[in-house]
Amino acid sequence: QVQLVESGGGLVQPGGSLRLSCAASGSISEIVNAGWYRQAPGKQREWVTTIAHDGTTTYATSVKGRFTSSRDSAKNMVYLQLNNLKPEDTAVYYCNAFAGASWVWGQGTQVTVSA
């Protein structure tokens, strides 16, 4: 059993930055991959990034070059650094992980980019 809790969202101006955190607890040893998704109102949930077990990261085209995902295994944390934010980045951001044989999701944290 794995639990994920996101934090770090907020209101930021275009061009600004935020650092999102995802704290994992429970059966940490079961986690294979982790990542981030986002969902804007009225839109489908969108894949943002994946962090493989070896630390390799991949990104959606829409965020590549602006966002950076990472993990700190010693702290049971994963992060998403959001730079050069744009209004279209406004969404609820969700941490997820593949643990054992199922996907686990956090509750999400709101990111709003507005002047």
PDB file of N, CA and C in Angstrom:
ATOM      1  N   GLN A   1       0.836  -1.180   0.000  1.00  0.00           N
ATOM      2  CA  GLN A   1       0.000   0.000   0.000  1.00  0.00           C
ATOM      3  C   GLN A   1       0.878   1.239   0.000  1.00  0.00           C
ATOM      4  N   VAL A   2       0.652   2.100  -0.973  1.00  0.00           N
ATOM      5  CA  VAL A   2       1.417   3.327  -1.135  1.00  0.00           C
ATOM      6  C   VAL A   2       0.457   4.504  -1.114  1.00  0.00           C
ATOM      7  N   GLN A   3       0.852   5.557  -0.428  1.00  0.00           N
ATOM      8  CA  GLN A   3       0.098   6.799  -0.406  1.00  0.00           C
ATOM      9  C   GLN A   3       0.971   7.925  -0.935  1.00  0.00           C
ATOM     10  N   LEU A   4       0.390   8.786  -1.760  1.00  0.00           N
ATOM     11  CA  LEU A   4       1.095   9.918  -2.336  1.00  0.00           C
ATOM     12  C   LEU A   4       0.381  11.206  -1.955  1.00  0.00           C
ATOM     13  N   VAL A   5       1.148  12.213  -1.557  1.00  0.00           N
ATOM     14  CA  VAL A   5       0.598  13.509  -1.186  1.00  0.00           C
ATOM     15  C   VAL A   5       1.399  14.595  -1.878  1.00  0.00           C
ATOM     16  N   GLU A   6       0.728  15.395  -2.712  1.00  0.00           N
ATOM     17  CA  GLU A   6       1.380  16.488  -3.419  1.00  0.00           C
ATOM     18  C   GLU A   6       1.303  17.774  -2.617  1.00  0.00           C
ATOM     19  N   SER A   7       2.255  18.658  -2.875  1.00  0.00           N
ATOM     20  CA  SER A   7       2.252  19.983  -2.279  1.00  0.00           C
ATOM     21  C   SER A   7       3.068  20.915  -3.161  1.00  0.00           C
ATOM     22  N   GLY A   8       2.966  22.207  -2.896  1.00  0.00           N
ATOM     23  CA  GLY A   8       3.783  23.188  -3.588  1.00  0.00           C
ATOM     24  C   GLY A   8       3.066  24.006  -4.635  1.00  0.00           C
ATOM     25  N   GLY A   9       1.820  23.693  -4.920  1.00  0.00           N
ATOM     26  CA  GLY A   9       1.083  24.465  -5.894  1.00  0.00           C
ATOM     27  C   GLY A   9       0.746  25.844  -5.378  1.00  0.00           C
ATOM     28  N   GLY A  10       0.264  26.677  -6.282  1.00  0.00           N
ATOM     29  CA  GLY A  10      -0.099  28.031  -5.903  1.00  0.00           C
ATOM     30  C   GLY A  10      -0.340  28.900  -7.104  1.00  0.00           C
ATOM     31  N   LEU A  11      -0.419  30.189  -6.854  1.00  0.00           N
ATOM     32  CA  LEU A  11      -0.632  31.193  -7.891  1.00  0.00           C
ATOM     33  C   LEU A  11       0.698  31.829  -8.250  1.00  0.00           C
ATOM     34  N   VAL A  12       0.988  31.883  -9.536  1.00  0.00           N
ATOM     35  CA  VAL A  12       2.249  32.440  -9.999  1.00  0.00           C
ATOM     36  C   VAL A  12       2.009  33.206 -11.295  1.00  0.00           C
ATOM     37  N   GLN A  13       2.806  34.231 -11.521  1.00  0.00           N
ATOM     38  CA  GLN A  13       2.697  35.010 -12.750  1.00  0.00           C
ATOM     39  C   GLN A  13       3.333  34.284 -13.925  1.00  0.00           C
ATOM     40  N   PRO A  14       2.898  34.584 -15.133  1.00  0.00           N
ATOM     41  CA  PRO A  14       3.563  34.001 -16.298  1.00  0.00           C
ATOM     42  C   PRO A  14       5.066  34.264 -16.267  1.00  0.00           C
ATOM     43  N   GLY A  15       5.827  33.240 -16.598  1.00  0.00           N
ATOM     44  CA  GLY A  15       7.270  33.318 -16.526  1.00  0.00           C
ATOM     45  C   GLY A  15       7.845  32.927 -15.188  1.00  0.00           C
ATOM     46  N   GLY A  16       6.997  32.742 -14.198  1.00  0.00           N
ATOM     47  CA  GLY A  16       7.445  32.373 -12.874  1.00  0.00           C
ATOM     48  C   GLY A  16       7.717  30.891 -12.739  1.00  0.00           C
ATOM     49  N   SER A  17       8.051  30.496 -11.518  1.00  0.00           N
ATOM     50  CA  SER A  17       8.434  29.119 -11.241  1.00  0.00           C
ATOM     51  C   SER A  17       7.756  28.607  -9.988  1.00  0.00           C
ATOM     52  N   LEU A  18       7.575  27.304  -9.942  1.00  0.00           N
ATOM     53  CA  LEU A  18       7.100  26.602  -8.768  1.00  0.00           C
ATOM     54  C   LEU A  18       7.830  25.276  -8.667  1.00  0.00           C
ATOM     55  N   ARG A  19       7.904  24.765  -7.462  1.00  0.00           N
ATOM     56  CA  ARG A  19       8.470  23.446  -7.230  1.00  0.00           C
ATOM     57  C   ARG A  19       7.424  22.600  -6.521  1.00  0.00           C
ATOM     58  N   LEU A  20       6.963  21.575  -7.193  1.00  0.00           N
ATOM     59  CA  LEU A  20       5.985  20.669  -6.632  1.00  0.00           C
ATOM     60  C   LEU A  20       6.682  19.473  -5.997  1.00  0.00           C
ATOM     61  N   SER A  21       6.136  19.024  -4.888  1.00  0.00           N
ATOM     62  CA  SER A  21       6.679  17.882  -4.185  1.00  0.00           C
ATOM     63  C   SER A  21       5.625  16.802  -4.055  1.00  0.00           C
ATOM     64  N   CYS A  22       6.075  15.580  -4.029  1.00  0.00           N
ATOM     65  CA  CYS A  22       5.201  14.435  -3.830  1.00  0.00           C
ATOM     66  C   CYS A  22       5.851  13.527  -2.803  1.00  0.00           C
ATOM     67  N   ALA A  23       5.218  13.402  -1.660  1.00  0.00           N
ATOM     68  CA  ALA A  23       5.728  12.566  -0.588  1.00  0.00           C
ATOM     69  C   ALA A  23       5.062  11.202  -0.635  1.00  0.00           C
ATOM     70  N   ALA A  24       5.860  10.168  -0.666  1.00  0.00           N
ATOM     71  CA  ALA A  24       5.361   8.803  -0.709  1.00  0.00           C
ATOM     72  C   ALA A  24       5.514   8.148   0.657  1.00  0.00           C
ATOM     73  N   SER A  25       4.540   7.375   1.017  1.00  0.00           N
ATOM     74  CA  SER A  25       4.590   6.630   2.264  1.00  0.00           C
ATOM     75  C   SER A  25       3.967   5.262   2.047  1.00  0.00           C
ATOM     76  N   GLY A  26       4.200   4.378   2.990  1.00  0.00           N
ATOM     77  CA  GLY A  26       3.683   3.034   2.881  1.00  0.00           C
ATOM     78  C   GLY A  26       4.736   2.079   2.357  1.00  0.00           C
ATOM     79  N   SER A  27       4.330   1.247   1.415  1.00  0.00           N
ATOM     80  CA  SER A  27       5.215   0.219   0.873  1.00  0.00           C
ATOM     81  C   SER A  27       6.082   0.805  -0.231  1.00  0.00           C
ATOM     82  N   ILE A  28       7.045   1.610   0.178  1.00  0.00           N
ATOM     83  CA  ILE A  28       7.886   2.331  -0.775  1.00  0.00           C
ATOM     84  C   ILE A  28       8.641   1.377  -1.685  1.00  0.00           C
ATOM     85  N   SER A  29       9.036   0.239  -1.168  1.00  0.00           N
ATOM     86  CA  SER A  29       9.811  -0.708  -1.959  1.00  0.00           C
ATOM     87  C   SER A  29       9.041  -1.242  -3.159  1.00  0.00           C
ATOM     88  N   GLU A  30       7.736  -1.097  -3.181  1.00  0.00           N
ATOM     89  CA  GLU A  30       6.922  -1.577  -4.286  1.00  0.00           C
ATOM     90  C   GLU A  30       6.919  -0.632  -5.486  1.00  0.00           C
ATOM     91  N   ILE A  31       7.360   0.591  -5.294  1.00  0.00           N
ATOM     92  CA  ILE A  31       7.302   1.583  -6.359  1.00  0.00           C
ATOM     93  C   ILE A  31       8.342   1.275  -7.430  1.00  0.00           C
ATOM     94  N   VAL A  32       7.884   1.233  -8.663  1.00  0.00           N
ATOM     95  CA  VAL A  32       8.771   0.981  -9.798  1.00  0.00           C
ATOM     96  C   VAL A  32       9.057   2.284 -10.540  1.00  0.00           C
ATOM     97  N   ASN A  33       8.011   2.915 -11.047  1.00  0.00           N
ATOM     98  CA  ASN A  33       8.130   4.193 -11.740  1.00  0.00           C
ATOM     99  C   ASN A  33       7.259   5.227 -11.053  1.00  0.00           C
ATOM    100  N   ALA A  34       7.559   6.477 -11.315  1.00  0.00           N
ATOM    101  CA  ALA A  34       6.747   7.572 -10.810  1.00  0.00           C
ATOM    102  C   ALA A  34       6.608   8.623 -11.898  1.00  0.00           C
ATOM    103  N   GLY A  35       5.687   9.535 -11.695  1.00  0.00           N
ATOM    104  CA  GLY A  35       5.512  10.579 -12.692  1.00  0.00           C
ATOM    105  C   GLY A  35       4.505  11.616 -12.258  1.00  0.00           C
ATOM    106  N   TRP A  36       4.227  12.504 -13.184  1.00  0.00           N
ATOM    107  CA  TRP A  36       3.280  13.583 -12.954  1.00  0.00           C
ATOM    108  C   TRP A  36       2.307  13.689 -14.120  1.00  0.00           C
ATOM    109  N   TYR A  37       1.055  13.948 -13.794  1.00  0.00           N
ATOM    110  CA  TYR A  37       0.012  14.268 -14.749  1.00  0.00           C
ATOM    111  C   TYR A  37      -0.626  15.583 -14.345  1.00  0.00           C
ATOM    112  N   ARG A  38      -1.384  16.163 -15.249  1.00  0.00           N
ATOM    113  CA  ARG A  38      -2.126  17.368 -14.914  1.00  0.00           C
ATOM    114  C   ARG A  38      -3.477  17.342 -15.611  1.00  0.00           C
ATOM    115  N   GLN A  39      -4.414  18.073 -15.041  1.00  0.00           N
ATOM    116  CA  GLN A  39      -5.754  18.127 -15.608  1.00  0.00           C
ATOM    117  C   GLN A  39      -6.335  19.521 -15.406  1.00  0.00           C
ATOM    118  N   ALA A  40      -6.666  20.154 -16.496  1.00  0.00           N
ATOM    119  CA  ALA A  40      -7.330  21.446 -16.466  1.00  0.00           C
ATOM    120  C   ALA A  40      -8.842  21.229 -16.485  1.00  0.00           C
ATOM    121  N   PRO A  41      -9.613  22.188 -15.983  1.00  0.00           N
ATOM    122  CA  PRO A  41     -11.069  22.045 -15.991  1.00  0.00           C
ATOM    123  C   PRO A  41     -11.611  21.783 -17.390  1.00  0.00           C
ATOM    124  N   GLY A  42     -12.446  20.773 -17.506  1.00  0.00           N
ATOM    125  CA  GLY A  42     -13.040  20.435 -18.783  1.00  0.00           C
ATOM    126  C   GLY A  42     -12.126  19.701 -19.742  1.00  0.00           C
ATOM    127  N   LYS A  43     -10.918  19.390 -19.318  1.00  0.00           N
ATOM    128  CA  LYS A  43      -9.946  18.722 -20.169  1.00  0.00           C
ATOM    129  C   LYS A  43      -9.628  17.327 -19.642  1.00  0.00           C
ATOM    130  N   GLN A  44      -9.110  16.491 -20.533  1.00  0.00           N
ATOM    131  CA  GLN A  44      -8.652  15.177 -20.125  1.00  0.00           C
ATOM    132  C   GLN A  44      -7.344  15.293 -19.347  1.00  0.00           C
ATOM    133  N   ARG A  45      -7.110  14.313 -18.512  1.00  0.00           N
ATOM    134  CA  ARG A  45      -5.856  14.278 -17.791  1.00  0.00           C
ATOM    135  C   ARG A  45      -4.708  14.064 -18.773  1.00  0.00           C
ATOM    136  N   GLU A  46      -3.666  14.854 -18.611  1.00  0.00           N
ATOM    137  CA  GLU A  46      -2.552  14.891 -19.540  1.00  0.00           C
ATOM    138  C   GLU A  46      -1.276  14.407 -18.871  1.00  0.00           C
ATOM    139  N   TRP A  47      -0.571  13.536 -19.532  1.00  0.00           N
ATOM    140  CA  TRP A  47       0.716  13.084 -19.036  1.00  0.00           C
ATOM    141  C   TRP A  47       1.746  14.205 -19.144  1.00  0.00           C
ATOM    142  N   VAL A  48       2.525  14.393 -18.101  1.00  0.00           N
ATOM    143  CA  VAL A  48       3.536  15.439 -18.062  1.00  0.00           C
ATOM    144  C   VAL A  48       4.940  14.856 -18.121  1.00  0.00           C
ATOM    145  N   THR A  49       5.236  13.912 -17.232  1.00  0.00           N
ATOM    146  CA  THR A  49       6.583  13.370 -17.148  1.00  0.00           C
ATOM    147  C   THR A  49       6.563  12.023 -16.448  1.00  0.00           C
ATOM    148  N   THR A  50       7.562  11.214 -16.743  1.00  0.00           N
ATOM    149  CA  THR A  50       7.771   9.941 -16.082  1.00  0.00           C
ATOM    150  C   THR A  50       9.200   9.886 -15.558  1.00  0.00           C
ATOM    151  N   ILE A  51       9.345   9.364 -14.361  1.00  0.00           N
ATOM    152  CA  ILE A  51      10.654   9.132 -13.758  1.00  0.00           C
ATOM    153  C   ILE A  51      10.801   7.634 -13.582  1.00  0.00           C
ATOM    154  N   ALA A  52      11.680   7.033 -14.345  1.00  0.00           N
ATOM    155  CA  ALA A  52      11.910   5.604 -14.238  1.00  0.00           C
ATOM    156  C   ALA A  52      12.675   5.281 -12.961  1.00  0.00           C
ATOM    157  N   HIS A  53      12.719   4.008 -12.634  1.00  0.00           N
ATOM    158  CA  HIS A  53      13.364   3.586 -11.407  1.00  0.00           C
ATOM    159  C   HIS A  53      14.837   3.963 -11.375  1.00  0.00           C
ATOM    160  N   ASP A  54      15.474   3.995 -12.535  1.00  0.00           N
ATOM    161  CA  ASP A  54      16.884   4.361 -12.591  1.00  0.00           C
ATOM    162  C   ASP A  54      17.108   5.870 -12.670  1.00  0.00           C
ATOM    163  N   GLY A  55      16.043   6.648 -12.593  1.00  0.00           N
ATOM    164  CA  GLY A  55      16.141   8.093 -12.626  1.00  0.00           C
ATOM    165  C   GLY A  55      15.968   8.713 -13.993  1.00  0.00           C
ATOM    166  N   THR A  56      15.872   7.908 -15.030  1.00  0.00           N
ATOM    167  CA  THR A  56      15.663   8.424 -16.372  1.00  0.00           C
ATOM    168  C   THR A  56      14.318   9.131 -16.463  1.00  0.00           C
ATOM    169  N   THR A  57      14.304  10.290 -17.078  1.00  0.00           N
ATOM    170  CA  THR A  57      13.083  11.078 -17.190  1.00  0.00           C
ATOM    171  C   THR A  57      12.688  11.278 -18.643  1.00  0.00           C
ATOM    172  N   THR A  58      11.394  11.327 -18.867  1.00  0.00           N
ATOM    173  CA  THR A  58      10.831  11.682 -20.156  1.00  0.00           C
ATOM    174  C   THR A  58       9.747  12.723 -19.932  1.00  0.00           C
ATOM    175  N   TYR A  59       9.474  13.528 -20.965  1.00  0.00           N
ATOM    176  CA  TYR A  59       8.572  14.654 -20.815  1.00  0.00           C
ATOM    177  C   TYR A  59       7.635  14.778 -22.002  1.00  0.00           C
ATOM    178  N   ALA A  60       6.463  15.327 -21.720  1.00  0.00           N
ATOM    179  CA  ALA A  60       5.559  15.699 -22.785  1.00  0.00           C
ATOM    180  C   ALA A  60       6.154  16.868 -23.564  1.00  0.00           C
ATOM    181  N   THR A  61       5.846  16.919 -24.842  1.00  0.00           N
ATOM    182  CA  THR A  61       6.369  17.976 -25.691  1.00  0.00           C
ATOM    183  C   THR A  61       6.005  19.363 -25.161  1.00  0.00           C
ATOM    184  N   SER A  62       4.825  19.495 -24.593  1.00  0.00           N
ATOM    185  CA  SER A  62       4.345  20.787 -24.137  1.00  0.00           C
ATOM    186  C   SER A  62       5.156  21.372 -22.981  1.00  0.00           C
ATOM    187  N   VAL A  63       5.888  20.535 -22.257  1.00  0.00           N
ATOM    188  CA  VAL A  63       6.635  21.013 -21.095  1.00  0.00           C
ATOM    189  C   VAL A  63       8.130  20.798 -21.224  1.00  0.00           C
ATOM    190  N   LYS A  64       8.564  20.100 -22.236  1.00  0.00           N
ATOM    191  CA  LYS A  64       9.984  19.797 -22.395  1.00  0.00           C
ATOM    192  C   LYS A  64      10.794  21.086 -22.491  1.00  0.00           C
ATOM    193  N   GLY A  65      11.873  21.132 -21.725  1.00  0.00           N
ATOM    194  CA  GLY A  65      12.713  22.315 -21.685  1.00  0.00           C
ATOM    195  C   GLY A  65      12.317  23.309 -20.619  1.00  0.00           C
ATOM    196  N   ARG A  66      11.136  23.164 -20.045  1.00  0.00           N
ATOM    197  CA  ARG A  66      10.659  24.066 -19.001  1.00  0.00           C
ATOM    198  C   ARG A  66      10.487  23.371 -17.656  1.00  0.00           C
ATOM    199  N   PHE A  67      10.074  22.119 -17.678  1.00  0.00           N
ATOM    200  CA  PHE A  67       9.841  21.369 -16.443  1.00  0.00           C
ATOM    201  C   PHE A  67      10.941  20.334 -16.257  1.00  0.00           C
ATOM    202  N   THR A  68      11.243  20.049 -15.003  1.00  0.00           N
ATOM    203  CA  THR A  68      12.226  19.036 -14.662  1.00  0.00           C
ATOM    204  C   THR A  68      11.697  18.180 -13.523  1.00  0.00           C
ATOM    205  N   SER A  69      11.647  16.887 -13.737  1.00  0.00           N
ATOM    206  CA  SER A  69      11.228  15.968 -12.688  1.00  0.00           C
ATOM    207  C   SER A  69      12.443  15.259 -12.108  1.00  0.00           C
ATOM    208  N   SER A  70      12.328  14.886 -10.849  1.00  0.00           N
ATOM    209  CA  SER A  70      13.436  14.234 -10.167  1.00  0.00           C
ATOM    210  C   SER A  70      12.904  13.455  -8.976  1.00  0.00           C
ATOM    211  N   ARG A  71      13.765  12.692  -8.376  1.00  0.00           N
ATOM    212  CA  ARG A  71      13.383  11.941  -7.183  1.00  0.00           C
ATOM    213  C   ARG A  71      14.520  11.960  -6.167  1.00  0.00           C
ATOM    214  N   ASP A  72      14.147  11.790  -4.922  1.00  0.00           N
ATOM    215  CA  ASP A  72      15.101  11.638  -3.836  1.00  0.00           C
ATOM    216  C   ASP A  72      14.667  10.407  -3.070  1.00  0.00           C
ATOM    217  N   SER A  73      15.275   9.293  -3.393  1.00  0.00           N
ATOM    218  CA  SER A  73      14.855   8.022  -2.808  1.00  0.00           C
ATOM    219  C   SER A  73      15.048   7.994  -1.298  1.00  0.00           C
ATOM    220  N   ALA A  74      16.104   8.632  -0.812  1.00  0.00           N
ATOM    221  CA  ALA A  74      16.372   8.640   0.615  1.00  0.00           C
ATOM    222  C   ALA A  74      15.262   9.332   1.396  1.00  0.00           C
ATOM    223  N   LYS A  75      14.602  10.300   0.772  1.00  0.00           N
ATOM    224  CA  LYS A  75      13.527  11.039   1.425  1.00  0.00           C
ATOM    225  C   LYS A  75      12.139  10.580   0.986  1.00  0.00           C
ATOM    226  N   ASN A  76      12.089   9.578   0.118  1.00  0.00           N
ATOM    227  CA  ASN A  76      10.822   9.084  -0.419  1.00  0.00           C
ATOM    228  C   ASN A  76      10.020  10.213  -1.071  1.00  0.00           C
ATOM    229  N   MET A  77      10.716  11.006  -1.866  1.00  0.00           N
ATOM    230  CA  MET A  77      10.110  12.175  -2.486  1.00  0.00           C
ATOM    231  C   MET A  77      10.365  12.178  -3.990  1.00  0.00           C
ATOM    232  N   VAL A  78       9.412  12.703  -4.726  1.00  0.00           N
ATOM    233  CA  VAL A  78       9.610  13.063  -6.119  1.00  0.00           C
ATOM    234  C   VAL A  78       9.221  14.524  -6.275  1.00  0.00           C
ATOM    235  N   TYR A  79       9.811  15.170  -7.275  1.00  0.00           N
ATOM    236  CA  TYR A  79       9.636  16.606  -7.440  1.00  0.00           C
ATOM    237  C   TYR A  79       9.341  16.932  -8.895  1.00  0.00           C
ATOM    238  N   LEU A  80       8.720  18.076  -9.067  1.00  0.00           N
ATOM    239  CA  LEU A  80       8.541  18.634 -10.392  1.00  0.00           C
ATOM    240  C   LEU A  80       8.847  20.127 -10.317  1.00  0.00           C
ATOM    241  N   GLN A  81       9.933  20.530 -10.953  1.00  0.00           N
ATOM    242  CA  GLN A  81      10.306  21.934 -11.042  1.00  0.00           C
ATOM    243  C   GLN A  81       9.672  22.516 -12.289  1.00  0.00           C
ATOM    244  N   LEU A  82       8.831  23.516 -12.103  1.00  0.00           N
ATOM    245  CA  LEU A  82       8.124  24.163 -13.200  1.00  0.00           C
ATOM    246  C   LEU A  82       8.721  25.546 -13.417  1.00  0.00           C
ATOM    247  N   ASN A  83       9.334  25.748 -14.564  1.00  0.00           N
ATOM    248  CA  ASN A  83       9.939  27.024 -14.905  1.00  0.00           C
ATOM    249  C   ASN A  83       9.256  27.630 -16.118  1.00  0.00           C
ATOM    250  N   ASN A  84       9.402  28.946 -16.242  1.00  0.00           N
ATOM    251  CA  ASN A  84       8.824  29.670 -17.370  1.00  0.00           C
ATOM    252  C   ASN A  84       7.359  29.294 -17.574  1.00  0.00           C
ATOM    253  N   LEU A  85       6.612  29.387 -16.509  1.00  0.00           N
ATOM    254  CA  LEU A  85       5.220  28.956 -16.544  1.00  0.00           C
ATOM    255  C   LEU A  85       4.374  29.832 -17.454  1.00  0.00           C
ATOM    256  N   LYS A  86       3.422  29.192 -18.095  1.00  0.00           N
ATOM    257  CA  LYS A  86       2.509  29.839 -19.019  1.00  0.00           C
ATOM    258  C   LYS A  86       1.079  29.654 -18.531  1.00  0.00           C
ATOM    259  N   PRO A  87       0.172  30.549 -18.919  1.00  0.00           N
ATOM    260  CA  PRO A  87      -1.223  30.377 -18.494  1.00  0.00           C
ATOM    261  C   PRO A  87      -1.793  29.005 -18.836  1.00  0.00           C
ATOM    262  N   GLU A  88      -1.390  28.433 -19.950  1.00  0.00           N
ATOM    263  CA  GLU A  88      -1.896  27.129 -20.332  1.00  0.00           C
ATOM    264  C   GLU A  88      -1.381  25.994 -19.454  1.00  0.00           C
ATOM    265  N   ASP A  89      -0.447  26.289 -18.560  1.00  0.00           N
ATOM    266  CA  ASP A  89       0.004  25.304 -17.585  1.00  0.00           C
ATOM    267  C   ASP A  89      -0.944  25.198 -16.396  1.00  0.00           C
ATOM    268  N   THR A  90      -1.913  26.082 -16.309  1.00  0.00           N
ATOM    269  CA  THR A  90      -2.861  26.059 -15.208  1.00  0.00           C
ATOM    270  C   THR A  90      -3.619  24.737 -15.185  1.00  0.00           C
ATOM    271  N   ALA A  91      -3.552  24.044 -14.067  1.00  0.00           N
ATOM    272  CA  ALA A  91      -4.177  22.734 -13.941  1.00  0.00           C
ATOM    273  C   ALA A  91      -3.969  22.225 -12.523  1.00  0.00           C
ATOM    274  N   VAL A  92      -4.659  21.154 -12.205  1.00  0.00           N
ATOM    275  CA  VAL A  92      -4.344  20.379 -11.013  1.00  0.00           C
ATOM    276  C   VAL A  92      -3.273  19.370 -11.398  1.00  0.00           C
ATOM    277  N   TYR A  93      -2.201  19.358 -10.658  1.00  0.00           N
ATOM    278  CA  TYR A  93      -1.082  18.474 -10.944  1.00  0.00           C
ATOM    279  C   TYR A  93      -1.125  17.283  -9.991  1.00  0.00           C
ATOM    280  N   TYR A  94      -1.026  16.090 -10.562  1.00  0.00           N
ATOM    281  CA  TYR A  94      -1.120  14.851  -9.806  1.00  0.00           C
ATOM    282  C   TYR A  94       0.176  14.065  -9.898  1.00  0.00           C
ATOM    283  N   CYS A  95       0.641  13.615  -8.778  1.00  0.00           N
ATOM    284  CA  CYS A  95       1.735  12.667  -8.723  1.00  0.00           C
ATOM    285  C   CYS A  95       1.160  11.266  -8.867  1.00  0.00           C
ATOM    286  N   ASN A  96       1.871  10.395  -9.554  1.00  0.00           N
ATOM    287  CA  ASN A  96       1.437   9.008  -9.617  1.00  0.00           C
ATOM    288  C   ASN A  96       2.639   8.081  -9.567  1.00  0.00           C
ATOM    289  N   ALA A  97       2.361   6.839  -9.256  1.00  0.00           N
ATOM    290  CA  ALA A  97       3.415   5.836  -9.161  1.00  0.00           C
ATOM    291  C   ALA A  97       2.852   4.476  -9.498  1.00  0.00           C
ATOM    292  N   PHE A  98       3.696   3.658 -10.091  1.00  0.00           N
ATOM    293  CA  PHE A  98       3.363   2.262 -10.310  1.00  0.00           C
ATOM    294  C   PHE A  98       3.982   1.481  -9.176  1.00  0.00           C
ATOM    295  N   ALA A  99       3.127   0.942  -8.331  1.00  0.00           N
ATOM    296  CA  ALA A  99       3.560   0.250  -7.136  1.00  0.00           C
ATOM    297  C   ALA A  99       3.016  -1.166  -7.142  1.00  0.00           C
ATOM    298  N   GLY A 100       3.924  -2.122  -7.167  1.00  0.00           N
ATOM    299  CA  GLY A 100       3.506  -3.504  -7.248  1.00  0.00           C
ATOM    300  C   GLY A 100       2.914  -3.790  -8.609  1.00  0.00           C
ATOM    301  N   ALA A 101       1.605  -3.908  -8.657  1.00  0.00           N
ATOM    302  CA  ALA A 101       0.917  -4.202  -9.910  1.00  0.00           C
ATOM    303  C   ALA A 101      -0.201  -3.217 -10.206  1.00  0.00           C
ATOM    304  N   SER A 102      -0.169  -2.032  -9.598  1.00  0.00           N
ATOM    305  CA  SER A 102      -1.229  -1.066  -9.811  1.00  0.00           C
ATOM    306  C   SER A 102      -0.688   0.351  -9.781  1.00  0.00           C
ATOM    307  N   TRP A 103      -1.500   1.267 -10.276  1.00  0.00           N
ATOM    308  CA  TRP A 103      -1.162   2.678 -10.284  1.00  0.00           C
ATOM    309  C   TRP A 103      -1.779   3.359  -9.072  1.00  0.00           C
ATOM    310  N   VAL A 104      -0.998   4.228  -8.444  1.00  0.00           N
ATOM    311  CA  VAL A 104      -1.427   4.992  -7.286  1.00  0.00           C
ATOM    312  C   VAL A 104      -1.372   6.476  -7.627  1.00  0.00           C
ATOM    313  N   TRP A 105      -2.375   7.212  -7.185  1.00  0.00           N
ATOM    314  CA  TRP A 105      -2.474   8.637  -7.482  1.00  0.00           C
ATOM    315  C   TRP A 105      -2.563   9.450  -6.198  1.00  0.00           C
ATOM    316  N   GLY A 106      -1.954  10.628  -6.230  1.00  0.00           N
ATOM    317  CA  GLY A 106      -2.144  11.577  -5.161  1.00  0.00           C
ATOM    318  C   GLY A 106      -3.432  12.351  -5.354  1.00  0.00           C
ATOM    319  N   GLN A 107      -3.712  13.266  -4.442  1.00  0.00           N
ATOM    320  CA  GLN A 107      -4.943  14.047  -4.490  1.00  0.00           C
ATOM    321  C   GLN A 107      -4.830  15.288  -5.363  1.00  0.00           C
ATOM    322  N   GLY A 108      -3.633  15.664  -5.720  1.00  0.00           N
ATOM    323  CA  GLY A 108      -3.429  16.781  -6.617  1.00  0.00           C
ATOM    324  C   GLY A 108      -3.139  18.082  -5.898  1.00  0.00           C
ATOM    325  N   THR A 109      -2.460  18.977  -6.598  1.00  0.00           N
ATOM    326  CA  THR A 109      -2.192  20.314  -6.102  1.00  0.00           C
ATOM    327  C   THR A 109      -2.423  21.304  -7.235  1.00  0.00           C
ATOM    328  N   GLN A 110      -3.098  22.401  -6.920  1.00  0.00           N
ATOM    329  CA  GLN A 110      -3.509  23.363  -7.940  1.00  0.00           C
ATOM    330  C   GLN A 110      -2.370  24.299  -8.299  1.00  0.00           C
ATOM    331  N   VAL A 111      -2.128  24.436  -9.584  1.00  0.00           N
ATOM    332  CA  VAL A 111      -1.189  25.418 -10.119  1.00  0.00           C
ATOM    333  C   VAL A 111      -1.983  26.384 -10.990  1.00  0.00           C
ATOM    334  N   THR A 112      -1.915  27.654 -10.660  1.00  0.00           N
ATOM    335  CA  THR A 112      -2.605  28.681 -11.424  1.00  0.00           C
ATOM    336  C   THR A 112      -1.591  29.706 -11.905  1.00  0.00           C
ATOM    337  N   VAL A 113      -1.550  29.911 -13.201  1.00  0.00           N
ATOM    338  CA  VAL A 113      -0.619  30.861 -13.811  1.00  0.00           C
ATOM    339  C   VAL A 113      -1.449  32.000 -14.386  1.00  0.00           C
ATOM    340  N   SER A 114      -1.306  33.164 -13.791  1.00  0.00           N
ATOM    341  CA  SER A 114      -2.117  34.306 -14.191  1.00  0.00           C
ATOM    342  C   SER A 114      -1.419  35.595 -13.796  1.00  0.00           C
ATOM    343  N   ALA A 115      -1.612  36.606 -14.622  1.00  0.00           N
ATOM    344  CA  ALA A 115      -1.086  37.923 -14.302  1.00  0.00           C
ATOM    345  C   ALA A 115      -1.969  38.641 -13.303  1.00  0.00           C
TER     346      ALA A 115
END
